[in-house]
PDB file of N, CA and C in Angstrom:
ATOM      1  N   MET A   1      92.179 116.284  97.393  1.00  0.00           N
ATOM      2  CA  MET A   1      92.779 116.755  98.395  1.00  0.00           C
ATOM      3  C   MET A   1      93.971 115.270  98.650  1.00  0.00           C
ATOM      4  N   LEU A   2      93.184 114.448  99.314  1.00  0.00           N
ATOM      5  CA  LEU A   2      94.123 113.022  99.345  1.00  0.00           C
ATOM      6  C   LEU A   2      95.228 112.740  98.549  1.00  0.00           C
ATOM      7  N   GLY A   3      95.012 112.906  97.468  1.00  0.00           N
ATOM      8  CA  GLY A   3      95.633 112.331  96.496  1.00  0.00           C
ATOM      9  C   GLY A   3      96.737 113.455  96.316  1.00  0.00           C
ATOM     10  N   LEU A   4      96.933 114.435  96.574  1.00  0.00           N
ATOM     11  CA  LEU A   4      97.574 115.743  96.609  1.00  0.00           C
ATOM     12  C   LEU A   4      98.729 115.492  97.381  1.00  0.00           C
ATOM     13  N   LYS A   5      98.123 115.605  98.380  1.00  0.00           N
ATOM     14  CA  LYS A   5      98.941 115.126  99.979  1.00  0.00           C
ATOM     15  C   LYS A   5      99.477 114.270  99.838  1.00  0.00           C
ATOM     16  N   ARG A   6      99.351 112.542  99.117  1.00  0.00           N
ATOM     17  CA  ARG A   6     100.156 111.668  99.345  1.00  0.00           C
ATOM     18  C   ARG A   6     101.378 111.554  97.907  1.00  0.00           C
ATOM     19  N   VAL A   7     101.107 112.519  97.190  1.00  0.00           N
ATOM     20  CA  VAL A   7     101.960 113.082  95.745  1.00  0.00           C
ATOM     21  C   VAL A   7     103.254 113.601  96.499  1.00  0.00           C
ATOM     22  N   HIS A   8     102.593 114.572  97.677  1.00  0.00           N
ATOM     23  CA  HIS A   8     103.580 115.499  98.242  1.00  0.00           C
ATOM     24  C   HIS A   8     104.459 114.758  99.731  1.00  0.00           C
ATOM     25  N   HIS A   9     103.872 113.727  99.883  1.00  0.00           N
ATOM     26  CA  HIS A   9     104.468 112.645 100.650  1.00  0.00           C
ATOM     27  C   HIS A   9     105.549 111.998  99.973  1.00  0.00           C
ATOM     28  N   ILE A  10     105.081 111.664  98.934  1.00  0.00           N
ATOM     29  CA  ILE A  10     106.488 110.976  98.217  1.00  0.00           C
ATOM     30  C   ILE A  10     107.403 111.292  97.675  1.00  0.00           C
ATOM     31  N   ALA A  11     106.825 112.606  97.336  1.00  0.00           N
ATOM     32  CA  ALA A  11     108.043 113.574  96.720  1.00  0.00           C
ATOM     33  C   ALA A  11     109.209 113.713  98.014  1.00  0.00           C
ATOM     34  N   ILE A  12     108.653 114.191  99.148  1.00  0.00           N
ATOM     35  CA  ILE A  12     109.649 114.216 100.515  1.00  0.00           C
ATOM     36  C   ILE A  12     110.549 113.104 100.680  1.00  0.00           C
ATOM     37  N   ILE A  13     109.596 111.574 100.667  1.00  0.00           N
ATOM     38  CA  ILE A  13     110.540 110.823 100.226  1.00  0.00           C
ATOM     39  C   ILE A  13     111.745 110.544  99.278  1.00  0.00           C
ATOM     40  N   ALA A  14     110.998 110.393  98.074  1.00  0.00           N
ATOM     41  CA  ALA A  14     112.548 110.606  96.997  1.00  0.00           C
ATOM     42  C   ALA A  14     113.420 111.555  97.240  1.00  0.00           C
ATOM     43  N   THR A  15     113.449 112.579  97.535  1.00  0.00           N
ATOM     44  CA  THR A  15     114.134 113.949  97.753  1.00  0.00           C
ATOM     45  C   THR A  15     115.006 113.076  99.222  1.00  0.00           C
ATOM     46  N   ASP A  16     114.475 112.695  99.882  1.00  0.00           N
ATOM     47  CA  ASP A  16     115.591 112.141 100.897  1.00  0.00           C
ATOM     48  C   ASP A  16     116.003 110.951 100.651  1.00  0.00           C
ATOM     49  N   TYR A  17     115.526 110.000  99.631  1.00  0.00           N
ATOM     50  CA  TYR A  17     116.447 108.946  99.326  1.00  0.00           C
ATOM     51  C   TYR A  17     117.214 109.336  98.654  1.00  0.00           C
ATOM     52  N   ALA A  18     116.841 110.612  97.632  1.00  0.00           N
ATOM     53  CA  ALA A  18     118.088 110.631  96.567  1.00  0.00           C
ATOM     54  C   ALA A  18     119.186 111.265  97.633  1.00  0.00           C
ATOM     55  N   ARG A  19     118.769 111.913  98.665  1.00  0.00           N
ATOM     56  CA  ARG A  19     120.095 112.830  99.351  1.00  0.00           C
ATOM     57  C   ARG A  19     120.973 112.124 100.174  1.00  0.00           C
ATOM     58  N   SER A  20     120.155 110.715 100.501  1.00  0.00           N
ATOM     59  CA  SER A  20     120.982 109.677 101.591  1.00  0.00           C
ATOM     60  C   SER A  20     122.005 108.813 100.271  1.00  0.00           C
ATOM     61  N   LYS A  21     121.519 108.736  99.007  1.00  0.00           N
ATOM     62  CA  LYS A  21     121.795 108.289  97.966  1.00  0.00           C
ATOM     63  C   LYS A  21     123.243 109.065  97.673  1.00  0.00           C
ATOM     64  N   ALA A  22     123.015 109.995  97.659  1.00  0.00           N
ATOM     65  CA  ALA A  22     124.275 110.728  96.878  1.00  0.00           C
ATOM     66  C   ALA A  22     125.374 110.603  97.828  1.00  0.00           C
TER      67      ALA A  22
END
């Protein structure tokens, strides 16, 4: 459960990073 939450958090950060980079 905790691992899944971490992956979801990383996915959000990656999306935000890609969005700001674009």
